[in-house]
Amino acid sequence: MTELRIILSIIGAVILGLIYYFGTRKKTNEEDEYGIDHQEPSLGMDSLNTRPNELPRKKSGLTVDEAHELHKAQEEIAKKEKIVTLFLHAKDGQQFDWHLIQSAAEQVGLEFGSDNLYYRFKGTGDKKEMVFIVANMLKPGIFQPDMRTTGLVLIMTLPGIMPALDMWDSMFPVGERIADILGGKLTDENHHIFSRQRIASMREEMRDFDYNN
């Protein structure tokens, strides 16, 4: 009886070993056929995983109403800010010499800044404030010793330290005076010569700016 139990135990162990062997072999063959990282395809829609060919989704932008409000705000800002420019051109084929520019600037009371631009200030000392600047028409816009240039540009930004009309009445005569000294011609931002009508319209623009701001 004891021998029979031993024989049955041995047979059972052999059977278990064969089952384990063939089971392991079958799994190994499947891995060889499909690859060790093979996974069955998922037919479901997994929203947490990004598909290989799927482009990244953009975040939603402004709504139509928000875009309209932003445009209106930008228009309001534009109405409250203005840059006024005067151009002083040398005669055809000529240039302004640095020494003549320097002399003209001193005659009309402009100050040469550390950034190589000319300034008109209101006040003195620590209380002086900028009214407008005068730059070289040619890039990079600065003045350098012994240079020559085809023109200058006078620039003021509104709102400024004074009403717009007062700033215009400060800048325009300076432009006219420099033009007389250098023998150039003064024009507006569109390079049109100033007529009486154009001067009057510019003054009206300045009044409108003051009224609306």
N, C-alpha and C. Protein backbone atom coordinates (compact mmCIF):
# COMPACT_ATOMS: atom_id res chain seq x y z
N MET A 1 0.84 -1.21 0.00
CA MET A 1 0.00 0.00 0.00
C MET A 1 0.87 1.26 0.00
N THR A 2 1.93 1.18 0.76
CA THR A 2 2.85 2.31 0.83
C THR A 2 3.55 2.50 -0.50
N GLU A 3 3.92 1.39 -1.15
CA GLU A 3 4.59 1.47 -2.45
C GLU A 3 3.66 2.09 -3.51
N LEU A 4 2.35 1.69 -3.42
CA LEU A 4 1.37 2.23 -4.38
C LEU A 4 1.25 3.74 -4.25
N ARG A 5 1.24 4.23 -3.01
CA ARG A 5 1.16 5.66 -2.79
C ARG A 5 2.39 6.38 -3.36
N ILE A 6 3.54 5.74 -3.19
CA ILE A 6 4.76 6.36 -3.70
C ILE A 6 4.72 6.44 -5.22
N ILE A 7 4.25 5.33 -5.87
CA ILE A 7 4.16 5.30 -7.34
C ILE A 7 3.19 6.37 -7.83
N LEU A 8 2.01 6.45 -7.19
CA LEU A 8 1.02 7.47 -7.59
C LEU A 8 1.56 8.89 -7.41
N SER A 9 2.31 9.09 -6.36
CA SER A 9 2.89 10.43 -6.12
C SER A 9 3.87 10.80 -7.21
N ILE A 10 4.70 9.79 -7.61
CA ILE A 10 5.69 10.03 -8.66
C ILE A 10 5.00 10.34 -9.98
N ILE A 11 3.93 9.52 -10.31
CA ILE A 11 3.18 9.75 -11.55
C ILE A 11 2.54 11.13 -11.54
N GLY A 12 1.97 11.53 -10.41
CA GLY A 12 1.35 12.88 -10.31
C GLY A 12 2.34 13.99 -10.50
N ALA A 13 3.55 13.80 -9.94
CA ALA A 13 4.59 14.82 -10.08
C ALA A 13 5.03 14.95 -11.52
N VAL A 14 5.15 13.80 -12.22
CA VAL A 14 5.53 13.82 -13.63
C VAL A 14 4.49 14.53 -14.47
N ILE A 15 3.19 14.21 -14.21
CA ILE A 15 2.10 14.85 -14.97
C ILE A 15 2.11 16.36 -14.76
N LEU A 16 2.28 16.78 -13.50
CA LEU A 16 2.34 18.23 -13.22
C LEU A 16 3.52 18.89 -13.93
N GLY A 17 4.64 18.17 -13.95
CA GLY A 17 5.80 18.71 -14.64
C GLY A 17 5.57 18.86 -16.12
N LEU A 18 4.92 17.85 -16.74
CA LEU A 18 4.62 17.92 -18.18
C LEU A 18 3.66 19.07 -18.49
N ILE A 19 2.64 19.22 -17.62
CA ILE A 19 1.67 20.32 -17.83
C ILE A 19 2.38 21.67 -17.77
N TYR A 20 3.26 21.83 -16.79
CA TYR A 20 3.99 23.10 -16.65
C TYR A 20 4.90 23.34 -17.86
N TYR A 21 5.59 22.27 -18.32
CA TYR A 21 6.51 22.37 -19.45
C TYR A 21 5.80 22.81 -20.71
N PHE A 22 4.73 22.11 -21.06
CA PHE A 22 4.03 22.44 -22.31
C PHE A 22 3.30 23.78 -22.22
N GLY A 23 2.81 24.09 -21.02
CA GLY A 23 2.17 25.40 -20.86
C GLY A 23 3.15 26.53 -21.04
N THR A 24 4.34 26.40 -20.50
CA THR A 24 5.38 27.43 -20.65
C THR A 24 5.86 27.54 -22.08
N ARG A 25 5.97 26.40 -22.76
CA ARG A 25 6.43 26.37 -24.15
C ARG A 25 5.43 27.07 -25.06
N LYS A 26 4.14 26.83 -24.82
CA LYS A 26 3.10 27.47 -25.64
C LYS A 26 3.16 28.97 -25.51
N LYS A 27 3.36 29.44 -24.28
CA LYS A 27 3.43 30.90 -24.05
C LYS A 27 4.64 31.51 -24.74
N THR A 28 5.77 30.76 -24.70
CA THR A 28 6.99 31.25 -25.35
C THR A 28 6.83 31.33 -26.85
N ASN A 29 6.15 30.33 -27.44
CA ASN A 29 5.91 30.35 -28.89
C ASN A 29 5.05 31.52 -29.30
N GLU A 30 4.05 31.86 -28.48
CA GLU A 30 3.18 33.00 -28.80
C GLU A 30 3.96 34.31 -28.75
N GLU A 31 4.88 34.40 -27.78
CA GLU A 31 5.69 35.63 -27.68
C GLU A 31 6.61 35.77 -28.87
N ASP A 32 7.15 34.62 -29.36
CA ASP A 32 8.02 34.66 -30.53
C ASP A 32 7.26 35.09 -31.76
N GLU A 33 5.99 34.67 -31.86
CA GLU A 33 5.20 34.97 -33.05
C GLU A 33 4.77 36.43 -33.08
N TYR A 34 4.34 36.94 -31.97
CA TYR A 34 3.79 38.31 -31.93
C TYR A 34 4.77 39.36 -31.42
N GLY A 35 5.85 38.87 -30.82
CA GLY A 35 6.77 39.82 -30.21
C GLY A 35 6.51 39.88 -28.72
N ILE A 36 7.56 40.14 -27.96
CA ILE A 36 7.41 40.07 -26.52
C ILE A 36 6.52 41.16 -25.97
N ASP A 37 6.40 42.29 -26.68
CA ASP A 37 5.56 43.39 -26.22
C ASP A 37 4.21 43.39 -26.88
N HIS A 38 3.86 42.31 -27.51
CA HIS A 38 2.60 42.25 -28.23
C HIS A 38 1.42 42.38 -27.28
N GLN A 39 0.46 43.22 -27.66
CA GLN A 39 -0.78 43.37 -26.91
C GLN A 39 -1.93 43.31 -27.88
N GLU A 40 -3.00 42.74 -27.40
CA GLU A 40 -4.19 42.69 -28.24
C GLU A 40 -4.70 44.11 -28.47
N PRO A 41 -5.12 44.47 -29.71
CA PRO A 41 -5.63 45.82 -29.97
C PRO A 41 -6.89 46.09 -29.18
N SER A 42 -6.98 47.31 -28.70
CA SER A 42 -8.17 47.71 -27.96
C SER A 42 -9.17 48.33 -28.91
N LEU A 43 -10.37 47.81 -28.87
CA LEU A 43 -11.43 48.33 -29.74
C LEU A 43 -12.18 49.48 -29.08
N GLY A 44 -11.88 49.76 -27.82
CA GLY A 44 -12.58 50.84 -27.13
C GLY A 44 -11.92 52.17 -27.39
N MET A 45 -12.58 53.28 -27.07
CA MET A 45 -12.05 54.63 -27.23
C MET A 45 -11.48 55.07 -25.89
N ASP A 46 -10.16 55.07 -25.78
CA ASP A 46 -9.53 55.46 -24.54
C ASP A 46 -9.24 56.94 -24.60
N SER A 47 -10.01 57.74 -23.89
CA SER A 47 -9.88 59.20 -23.95
C SER A 47 -8.65 59.71 -23.21
N LEU A 48 -8.05 58.82 -22.39
CA LEU A 48 -6.90 59.28 -21.62
C LEU A 48 -5.60 59.16 -22.41
N ASN A 49 -5.60 58.34 -23.46
CA ASN A 49 -4.39 58.15 -24.26
C ASN A 49 -4.50 58.89 -25.57
N THR A 50 -3.40 59.55 -25.99
CA THR A 50 -3.38 60.26 -27.26
C THR A 50 -3.00 59.31 -28.37
N ARG A 51 -3.78 59.31 -29.43
CA ARG A 51 -3.46 58.46 -30.56
C ARG A 51 -2.24 58.98 -31.30
N PRO A 52 -1.44 58.07 -31.90
CA PRO A 52 -0.18 58.50 -32.54
C PRO A 52 -0.36 59.59 -33.58
N ASN A 53 -1.44 59.52 -34.37
CA ASN A 53 -1.62 60.48 -35.47
C ASN A 53 -2.51 61.65 -35.10
N GLU A 54 -2.85 61.73 -33.83
CA GLU A 54 -3.77 62.79 -33.42
C GLU A 54 -2.99 64.07 -33.12
N LEU A 55 -3.39 65.17 -33.74
CA LEU A 55 -2.74 66.45 -33.51
C LEU A 55 -3.15 67.00 -32.16
N PRO A 56 -2.25 67.75 -31.50
CA PRO A 56 -2.63 68.34 -30.21
C PRO A 56 -3.75 69.34 -30.39
N ARG A 57 -4.68 69.31 -29.48
CA ARG A 57 -5.83 70.21 -29.58
C ARG A 57 -5.49 71.57 -28.99
N LYS A 58 -5.88 72.61 -29.71
CA LYS A 58 -5.64 73.96 -29.24
C LYS A 58 -6.69 74.35 -28.21
N LYS A 59 -6.25 75.15 -27.25
CA LYS A 59 -7.19 75.65 -26.27
C LYS A 59 -8.10 76.68 -26.96
N SER A 60 -9.29 76.70 -26.53
CA SER A 60 -10.25 77.63 -27.15
C SER A 60 -9.80 79.06 -26.91
N GLY A 61 -9.90 79.92 -27.94
CA GLY A 61 -9.47 81.30 -27.83
C GLY A 61 -10.59 82.19 -27.33
N LEU A 62 -10.50 83.48 -27.72
CA LEU A 62 -11.52 84.43 -27.29
C LEU A 62 -12.83 84.16 -28.00
N THR A 63 -13.90 84.46 -27.31
CA THR A 63 -15.20 84.39 -27.95
C THR A 63 -15.36 85.61 -28.85
N VAL A 64 -16.38 85.61 -29.67
CA VAL A 64 -16.63 86.74 -30.57
C VAL A 64 -16.85 88.02 -29.77
N ASP A 65 -17.62 87.92 -28.70
CA ASP A 65 -17.90 89.10 -27.87
C ASP A 65 -16.64 89.62 -27.20
N GLU A 66 -15.79 88.69 -26.72
CA GLU A 66 -14.55 89.10 -26.06
C GLU A 66 -13.61 89.76 -27.06
N ALA A 67 -13.52 89.22 -28.27
CA ALA A 67 -12.67 89.80 -29.30
C ALA A 67 -13.16 91.20 -29.67
N HIS A 68 -14.48 91.37 -29.74
CA HIS A 68 -15.07 92.68 -30.07
C HIS A 68 -14.73 93.69 -28.98
N GLU A 69 -14.84 93.28 -27.72
CA GLU A 69 -14.54 94.18 -26.61
C GLU A 69 -13.06 94.55 -26.60
N LEU A 70 -12.18 93.58 -26.92
CA LEU A 70 -10.75 93.86 -26.98
C LEU A 70 -10.44 94.86 -28.08
N HIS A 71 -11.09 94.70 -29.25
CA HIS A 71 -10.88 95.62 -30.36
C HIS A 71 -11.33 97.04 -29.99
N LYS A 72 -12.45 97.14 -29.31
CA LYS A 72 -12.95 98.44 -28.88
C LYS A 72 -11.99 99.10 -27.90
N ALA A 73 -11.44 98.28 -26.98
CA ALA A 73 -10.50 98.83 -26.00
C ALA A 73 -9.24 99.34 -26.68
N GLN A 74 -8.76 98.61 -27.70
CA GLN A 74 -7.57 99.04 -28.43
C GLN A 74 -7.83 100.33 -29.19
N GLU A 75 -9.03 100.48 -29.73
CA GLU A 75 -9.38 101.70 -30.44
C GLU A 75 -9.41 102.89 -29.47
N GLU A 76 -9.92 102.65 -28.27
CA GLU A 76 -9.98 103.73 -27.28
C GLU A 76 -8.58 104.16 -26.87
N ILE A 77 -7.67 103.18 -26.73
CA ILE A 77 -6.30 103.53 -26.38
C ILE A 77 -5.65 104.34 -27.50
N ALA A 78 -5.91 103.93 -28.75
CA ALA A 78 -5.34 104.64 -29.90
C ALA A 78 -5.83 106.08 -29.96
N LYS A 79 -7.08 106.30 -29.56
CA LYS A 79 -7.62 107.66 -29.57
C LYS A 79 -6.95 108.53 -28.52
N LYS A 80 -6.45 107.91 -27.46
CA LYS A 80 -5.87 108.67 -26.36
C LYS A 80 -4.36 108.85 -26.51
N GLU A 81 -3.77 108.25 -27.53
CA GLU A 81 -2.33 108.38 -27.77
C GLU A 81 -2.08 108.82 -29.21
N LYS A 82 -1.09 109.67 -29.38
CA LYS A 82 -0.82 110.17 -30.73
C LYS A 82 0.65 110.56 -30.82
N ILE A 83 1.27 110.24 -31.96
CA ILE A 83 2.65 110.65 -32.22
C ILE A 83 2.63 111.63 -33.39
N VAL A 84 3.19 112.80 -33.18
CA VAL A 84 3.21 113.84 -34.20
C VAL A 84 4.66 113.99 -34.68
N THR A 85 4.87 113.95 -35.99
CA THR A 85 6.22 114.04 -36.55
C THR A 85 6.30 115.13 -37.60
N LEU A 86 7.44 115.80 -37.61
CA LEU A 86 7.78 116.76 -38.65
C LEU A 86 9.10 116.31 -39.27
N PHE A 87 9.17 116.39 -40.59
CA PHE A 87 10.39 115.98 -41.29
C PHE A 87 11.06 117.20 -41.92
N LEU A 88 12.35 117.27 -41.72
CA LEU A 88 13.13 118.36 -42.29
C LEU A 88 14.10 117.77 -43.31
N HIS A 89 13.83 118.02 -44.59
CA HIS A 89 14.62 117.43 -45.67
C HIS A 89 15.66 118.41 -46.20
N ALA A 90 16.85 117.87 -46.50
CA ALA A 90 17.85 118.66 -47.20
C ALA A 90 17.41 118.81 -48.66
N LYS A 91 17.88 119.83 -49.30
CA LYS A 91 17.54 120.03 -50.71
C LYS A 91 18.06 118.86 -51.54
N ASP A 92 17.44 118.65 -52.69
CA ASP A 92 17.80 117.51 -53.53
C ASP A 92 19.29 117.46 -53.80
N GLY A 93 19.87 116.29 -53.53
CA GLY A 93 21.28 116.08 -53.79
C GLY A 93 22.21 116.66 -52.74
N GLN A 94 21.64 117.24 -51.67
CA GLN A 94 22.47 117.84 -50.63
C GLN A 94 22.29 117.10 -49.31
N GLN A 95 23.14 117.44 -48.36
CA GLN A 95 23.07 116.84 -47.03
C GLN A 95 23.34 117.91 -45.98
N PHE A 96 22.85 117.65 -44.76
CA PHE A 96 23.14 118.54 -43.64
C PHE A 96 24.43 118.09 -42.97
N ASP A 97 25.33 119.04 -42.78
CA ASP A 97 26.60 118.77 -42.11
C ASP A 97 26.41 118.79 -40.60
N TRP A 98 27.15 117.95 -39.89
CA TRP A 98 27.03 117.84 -38.45
C TRP A 98 27.26 119.18 -37.75
N HIS A 99 28.23 119.92 -38.17
CA HIS A 99 28.55 121.18 -37.50
C HIS A 99 27.43 122.21 -37.69
N LEU A 100 26.80 122.19 -38.87
CA LEU A 100 25.67 123.10 -39.08
C LEU A 100 24.46 122.68 -38.25
N ILE A 101 24.24 121.38 -38.13
CA ILE A 101 23.13 120.88 -37.29
C ILE A 101 23.35 121.29 -35.84
N GLN A 102 24.58 121.12 -35.37
CA GLN A 102 24.92 121.47 -34.00
C GLN A 102 24.70 122.96 -33.75
N SER A 103 25.09 123.79 -34.69
CA SER A 103 24.91 125.24 -34.55
C SER A 103 23.43 125.62 -34.55
N ALA A 104 22.66 125.02 -35.46
CA ALA A 104 21.22 125.31 -35.53
C ALA A 104 20.52 124.88 -34.25
N ALA A 105 20.89 123.71 -33.71
CA ALA A 105 20.26 123.21 -32.48
C ALA A 105 20.52 124.16 -31.31
N GLU A 106 21.73 124.67 -31.23
CA GLU A 106 22.05 125.61 -30.15
C GLU A 106 21.27 126.91 -30.29
N GLN A 107 21.06 127.34 -31.53
CA GLN A 107 20.35 128.60 -31.76
C GLN A 107 18.87 128.52 -31.36
N VAL A 108 18.28 127.33 -31.49
CA VAL A 108 16.86 127.20 -31.15
C VAL A 108 16.65 126.62 -29.75
N GLY A 109 17.74 126.46 -28.99
CA GLY A 109 17.61 126.04 -27.60
C GLY A 109 17.42 124.55 -27.37
N LEU A 110 17.93 123.73 -28.27
CA LEU A 110 17.86 122.28 -28.06
C LEU A 110 19.06 121.82 -27.24
N GLU A 111 18.86 120.77 -26.46
CA GLU A 111 19.94 120.19 -25.65
C GLU A 111 20.33 118.83 -26.21
N PHE A 112 21.64 118.60 -26.27
CA PHE A 112 22.16 117.33 -26.78
C PHE A 112 22.22 116.33 -25.64
N GLY A 113 21.53 115.18 -25.79
CA GLY A 113 21.46 114.20 -24.72
C GLY A 113 22.57 113.17 -24.79
N SER A 114 22.70 112.40 -23.70
CA SER A 114 23.73 111.36 -23.63
C SER A 114 23.47 110.23 -24.63
N ASP A 115 22.23 110.15 -25.13
CA ASP A 115 21.89 109.13 -26.13
C ASP A 115 22.07 109.63 -27.56
N ASN A 116 22.75 110.80 -27.71
CA ASN A 116 23.06 111.38 -29.03
C ASN A 116 21.81 111.83 -29.79
N LEU A 117 20.80 112.30 -29.07
CA LEU A 117 19.61 112.91 -29.65
C LEU A 117 19.46 114.32 -29.07
N TYR A 118 18.74 115.17 -29.80
CA TYR A 118 18.47 116.52 -29.29
C TYR A 118 17.10 116.58 -28.64
N TYR A 119 17.01 117.39 -27.56
CA TYR A 119 15.78 117.49 -26.79
C TYR A 119 15.37 118.94 -26.59
N ARG A 120 14.05 119.15 -26.56
CA ARG A 120 13.51 120.42 -26.08
C ARG A 120 12.83 120.12 -24.75
N PHE A 121 13.27 120.84 -23.73
CA PHE A 121 12.71 120.65 -22.40
C PHE A 121 11.92 121.87 -21.97
N LYS A 122 11.00 121.62 -21.04
CA LYS A 122 10.31 122.70 -20.34
C LYS A 122 10.82 122.68 -18.90
N GLY A 123 11.19 123.82 -18.38
CA GLY A 123 11.73 123.88 -17.02
C GLY A 123 13.23 123.69 -17.02
N THR A 124 13.78 123.73 -15.83
CA THR A 124 15.24 123.61 -15.68
C THR A 124 15.57 122.67 -14.53
N GLY A 125 16.82 122.23 -14.53
CA GLY A 125 17.29 121.39 -13.44
C GLY A 125 16.52 120.08 -13.32
N ASP A 126 16.24 119.72 -12.07
CA ASP A 126 15.52 118.48 -11.81
C ASP A 126 14.06 118.53 -12.25
N LYS A 127 13.55 119.73 -12.47
CA LYS A 127 12.14 119.88 -12.82
C LYS A 127 11.89 119.95 -14.33
N LYS A 128 12.94 119.86 -15.13
CA LYS A 128 12.72 119.96 -16.57
C LYS A 128 12.07 118.70 -17.11
N GLU A 129 11.16 118.90 -18.06
CA GLU A 129 10.42 117.79 -18.66
C GLU A 129 10.50 117.89 -20.18
N MET A 130 10.52 116.74 -20.84
CA MET A 130 10.69 116.70 -22.29
C MET A 130 9.42 117.12 -23.02
N VAL A 131 9.57 117.98 -24.00
CA VAL A 131 8.45 118.38 -24.85
C VAL A 131 8.51 117.59 -26.16
N PHE A 132 9.68 117.58 -26.83
CA PHE A 132 9.84 116.79 -28.05
C PHE A 132 11.31 116.49 -28.25
N ILE A 133 11.60 115.62 -29.22
CA ILE A 133 12.99 115.27 -29.54
C ILE A 133 13.25 115.53 -31.01
N VAL A 134 14.53 115.65 -31.34
CA VAL A 134 14.96 115.79 -32.73
C VAL A 134 15.98 114.68 -33.00
N ALA A 135 15.71 113.88 -34.03
CA ALA A 135 16.56 112.74 -34.35
C ALA A 135 17.05 112.83 -35.79
N ASN A 136 18.04 112.04 -36.09
CA ASN A 136 18.55 111.90 -37.45
C ASN A 136 17.53 111.08 -38.27
N MET A 137 17.21 111.53 -39.44
CA MET A 137 16.25 110.80 -40.27
C MET A 137 16.80 109.45 -40.72
N LEU A 138 18.13 109.34 -40.80
CA LEU A 138 18.75 108.10 -41.23
C LEU A 138 18.99 107.17 -40.03
N LYS A 139 18.85 105.87 -40.27
CA LYS A 139 19.09 104.89 -39.20
C LYS A 139 20.55 104.95 -38.78
N PRO A 140 20.83 104.75 -37.47
CA PRO A 140 19.92 104.39 -36.37
C PRO A 140 19.23 105.56 -35.70
N GLY A 141 19.29 106.75 -36.29
CA GLY A 141 18.54 107.88 -35.77
C GLY A 141 19.31 108.81 -34.86
N ILE A 142 20.55 108.49 -34.57
CA ILE A 142 21.34 109.32 -33.66
C ILE A 142 22.28 110.24 -34.43
N PHE A 143 22.83 111.22 -33.70
CA PHE A 143 23.78 112.15 -34.28
C PHE A 143 25.19 111.79 -33.80
N GLN A 144 26.13 111.87 -34.72
CA GLN A 144 27.52 111.58 -34.40
C GLN A 144 28.42 112.66 -34.99
N PRO A 145 29.54 112.95 -34.32
CA PRO A 145 30.46 113.98 -34.84
C PRO A 145 30.90 113.67 -36.27
N ASP A 146 30.98 114.72 -37.07
CA ASP A 146 31.45 114.65 -38.45
C ASP A 146 30.53 113.86 -39.38
N MET A 147 29.30 113.62 -38.95
CA MET A 147 28.35 112.90 -39.80
C MET A 147 27.67 113.88 -40.77
N ARG A 148 27.03 113.32 -41.78
CA ARG A 148 26.19 114.07 -42.70
C ARG A 148 24.90 113.28 -42.88
N THR A 149 23.79 113.99 -43.08
CA THR A 149 22.51 113.31 -43.20
C THR A 149 21.61 114.05 -44.19
N THR A 150 20.64 113.34 -44.72
CA THR A 150 19.70 113.94 -45.68
C THR A 150 18.49 114.57 -44.99
N GLY A 151 18.39 114.41 -43.67
CA GLY A 151 17.24 115.01 -43.02
C GLY A 151 17.17 114.76 -41.52
N LEU A 152 16.29 115.51 -40.88
CA LEU A 152 16.01 115.40 -39.45
C LEU A 152 14.53 115.10 -39.26
N VAL A 153 14.19 114.60 -38.08
CA VAL A 153 12.78 114.37 -37.76
C VAL A 153 12.52 114.86 -36.34
N LEU A 154 11.46 115.64 -36.19
CA LEU A 154 11.03 116.15 -34.88
C LEU A 154 9.84 115.32 -34.44
N ILE A 155 9.87 114.86 -33.20
CA ILE A 155 8.86 113.91 -32.72
C ILE A 155 8.32 114.34 -31.36
N MET A 156 7.00 114.39 -31.24
CA MET A 156 6.39 114.59 -29.93
C MET A 156 5.29 113.54 -29.73
N THR A 157 5.13 113.12 -28.48
CA THR A 157 4.16 112.09 -28.14
C THR A 157 3.07 112.68 -27.27
N LEU A 158 1.84 112.41 -27.65
CA LEU A 158 0.68 112.89 -26.89
C LEU A 158 -0.03 111.72 -26.21
N PRO A 159 -0.55 111.91 -25.01
CA PRO A 159 -0.50 113.15 -24.22
C PRO A 159 0.89 113.42 -23.67
N GLY A 160 1.19 114.71 -23.50
CA GLY A 160 2.50 115.10 -23.02
C GLY A 160 2.40 115.93 -21.77
N ILE A 161 3.41 116.74 -21.54
CA ILE A 161 3.46 117.53 -20.31
C ILE A 161 2.61 118.79 -20.38
N MET A 162 2.16 119.11 -21.61
CA MET A 162 1.32 120.28 -21.84
C MET A 162 0.15 119.86 -22.72
N PRO A 163 -0.85 120.73 -22.85
CA PRO A 163 -1.91 120.45 -23.83
C PRO A 163 -1.31 120.25 -25.22
N ALA A 164 -1.96 119.44 -26.03
CA ALA A 164 -1.44 119.10 -27.36
C ALA A 164 -1.18 120.34 -28.21
N LEU A 165 -2.09 121.30 -28.17
CA LEU A 165 -1.92 122.51 -28.98
C LEU A 165 -0.69 123.29 -28.53
N ASP A 166 -0.45 123.37 -27.23
CA ASP A 166 0.73 124.08 -26.72
C ASP A 166 2.02 123.37 -27.16
N MET A 167 1.99 122.05 -27.15
CA MET A 167 3.18 121.30 -27.58
C MET A 167 3.44 121.52 -29.07
N TRP A 168 2.36 121.54 -29.85
CA TRP A 168 2.52 121.81 -31.28
C TRP A 168 3.09 123.20 -31.51
N ASP A 169 2.58 124.17 -30.78
CA ASP A 169 3.05 125.55 -30.92
C ASP A 169 4.48 125.71 -30.44
N SER A 170 4.98 124.73 -29.69
CA SER A 170 6.38 124.74 -29.27
C SER A 170 7.27 124.07 -30.31
N MET A 171 6.78 122.98 -30.91
CA MET A 171 7.61 122.21 -31.83
C MET A 171 7.64 122.80 -33.25
N PHE A 172 6.51 123.20 -33.76
CA PHE A 172 6.46 123.64 -35.15
C PHE A 172 7.36 124.85 -35.44
N PRO A 173 7.36 125.89 -34.60
CA PRO A 173 8.26 127.01 -34.88
C PRO A 173 9.74 126.63 -34.85
N VAL A 174 10.09 125.66 -33.98
CA VAL A 174 11.47 125.20 -33.94
C VAL A 174 11.83 124.52 -35.26
N GLY A 175 10.92 123.70 -35.77
CA GLY A 175 11.15 123.06 -37.06
C GLY A 175 11.32 124.07 -38.18
N GLU A 176 10.47 125.11 -38.17
CA GLU A 176 10.58 126.16 -39.19
C GLU A 176 11.92 126.90 -39.10
N ARG A 177 12.32 127.18 -37.86
CA ARG A 177 13.57 127.93 -37.67
C ARG A 177 14.78 127.12 -38.11
N ILE A 178 14.82 125.83 -37.76
CA ILE A 178 15.94 124.99 -38.18
C ILE A 178 15.98 124.87 -39.71
N ALA A 179 14.78 124.78 -40.32
CA ALA A 179 14.72 124.70 -41.77
C ALA A 179 15.31 125.95 -42.41
N ASP A 180 15.03 127.11 -41.81
CA ASP A 180 15.59 128.36 -42.33
C ASP A 180 17.11 128.37 -42.20
N ILE A 181 17.61 127.92 -41.04
CA ILE A 181 19.05 127.96 -40.79
C ILE A 181 19.80 126.99 -41.72
N LEU A 182 19.25 125.80 -41.88
CA LEU A 182 19.94 124.78 -42.67
C LEU A 182 19.61 124.85 -44.16
N GLY A 183 18.58 125.62 -44.51
CA GLY A 183 18.19 125.71 -45.92
C GLY A 183 17.47 124.45 -46.39
N GLY A 184 16.66 123.85 -45.50
CA GLY A 184 15.91 122.66 -45.87
C GLY A 184 14.43 122.96 -46.00
N LYS A 185 13.63 121.92 -46.20
CA LYS A 185 12.18 122.09 -46.31
C LYS A 185 11.48 121.23 -45.26
N LEU A 186 10.50 121.84 -44.58
CA LEU A 186 9.77 121.17 -43.51
C LEU A 186 8.49 120.56 -44.06
N THR A 187 8.24 119.27 -43.74
CA THR A 187 7.04 118.58 -44.24
C THR A 187 6.34 117.86 -43.10
N ASP A 188 5.10 117.42 -43.39
CA ASP A 188 4.35 116.62 -42.41
C ASP A 188 4.75 115.16 -42.54
N GLU A 189 4.00 114.29 -41.82
CA GLU A 189 4.36 112.87 -41.83
C GLU A 189 4.21 112.22 -43.20
N ASN A 190 3.43 112.84 -44.07
CA ASN A 190 3.26 112.34 -45.43
C ASN A 190 4.20 113.02 -46.42
N HIS A 191 5.13 113.79 -45.87
CA HIS A 191 6.15 114.50 -46.66
C HIS A 191 5.54 115.54 -47.59
N HIS A 192 4.47 116.16 -47.12
CA HIS A 192 3.84 117.27 -47.84
C HIS A 192 4.29 118.59 -47.23
N ILE A 193 4.62 119.55 -48.09
CA ILE A 193 5.00 120.88 -47.61
C ILE A 193 3.83 121.51 -46.85
N PHE A 194 4.16 122.23 -45.78
CA PHE A 194 3.11 122.86 -44.97
C PHE A 194 2.57 124.11 -45.67
N SER A 195 1.29 124.05 -45.97
CA SER A 195 0.57 125.22 -46.46
C SER A 195 -0.17 125.83 -45.26
N ARG A 196 -0.78 126.97 -45.49
CA ARG A 196 -1.57 127.57 -44.42
C ARG A 196 -2.71 126.67 -44.00
N GLN A 197 -3.33 126.03 -45.01
CA GLN A 197 -4.43 125.12 -44.72
C GLN A 197 -3.98 123.92 -43.90
N ARG A 198 -2.78 123.41 -44.25
CA ARG A 198 -2.28 122.24 -43.52
C ARG A 198 -1.93 122.61 -42.08
N ILE A 199 -1.35 123.77 -41.88
CA ILE A 199 -1.03 124.23 -40.53
C ILE A 199 -2.30 124.39 -39.71
N ALA A 200 -3.33 124.97 -40.34
CA ALA A 200 -4.61 125.16 -39.65
C ALA A 200 -5.25 123.82 -39.28
N SER A 201 -5.16 122.85 -40.19
CA SER A 201 -5.76 121.54 -39.92
C SER A 201 -5.00 120.81 -38.80
N MET A 202 -3.68 121.00 -38.74
CA MET A 202 -2.91 120.40 -37.66
C MET A 202 -3.28 120.99 -36.32
N ARG A 203 -3.47 122.28 -36.29
CA ARG A 203 -3.87 122.93 -35.04
C ARG A 203 -5.27 122.45 -34.61
N GLU A 204 -6.12 122.23 -35.58
CA GLU A 204 -7.46 121.73 -35.27
C GLU A 204 -7.39 120.31 -34.71
N GLU A 205 -6.48 119.48 -35.27
CA GLU A 205 -6.28 118.13 -34.74
C GLU A 205 -5.83 118.17 -33.28
N MET A 206 -4.95 119.11 -32.98
CA MET A 206 -4.47 119.24 -31.61
C MET A 206 -5.60 119.67 -30.67
N ARG A 207 -6.45 120.57 -31.12
CA ARG A 207 -7.59 120.99 -30.30
C ARG A 207 -8.54 119.82 -30.06
N ASP A 208 -8.77 119.05 -31.10
CA ASP A 208 -9.66 117.89 -30.95
C ASP A 208 -9.08 116.88 -29.96
N PHE A 209 -7.77 116.69 -30.04
CA PHE A 209 -7.13 115.75 -29.10
C PHE A 209 -7.30 116.24 -27.67
N ASP A 210 -7.06 117.54 -27.45
CA ASP A 210 -7.22 118.09 -26.11
C ASP A 210 -8.66 117.95 -25.63
N TYR A 211 -9.60 118.18 -26.52
CA TYR A 211 -11.02 118.13 -26.14
C TYR A 211 -11.44 116.70 -25.76
N ASN A 212 -10.93 115.73 -26.50
CA ASN A 212 -11.33 114.34 -26.27
C ASN A 212 -10.52 113.63 -25.18
N ASN A 213 -9.53 114.33 -24.66
CA ASN A 213 -8.71 113.71 -23.63
C ASN A 213 -8.62 114.59 -22.38
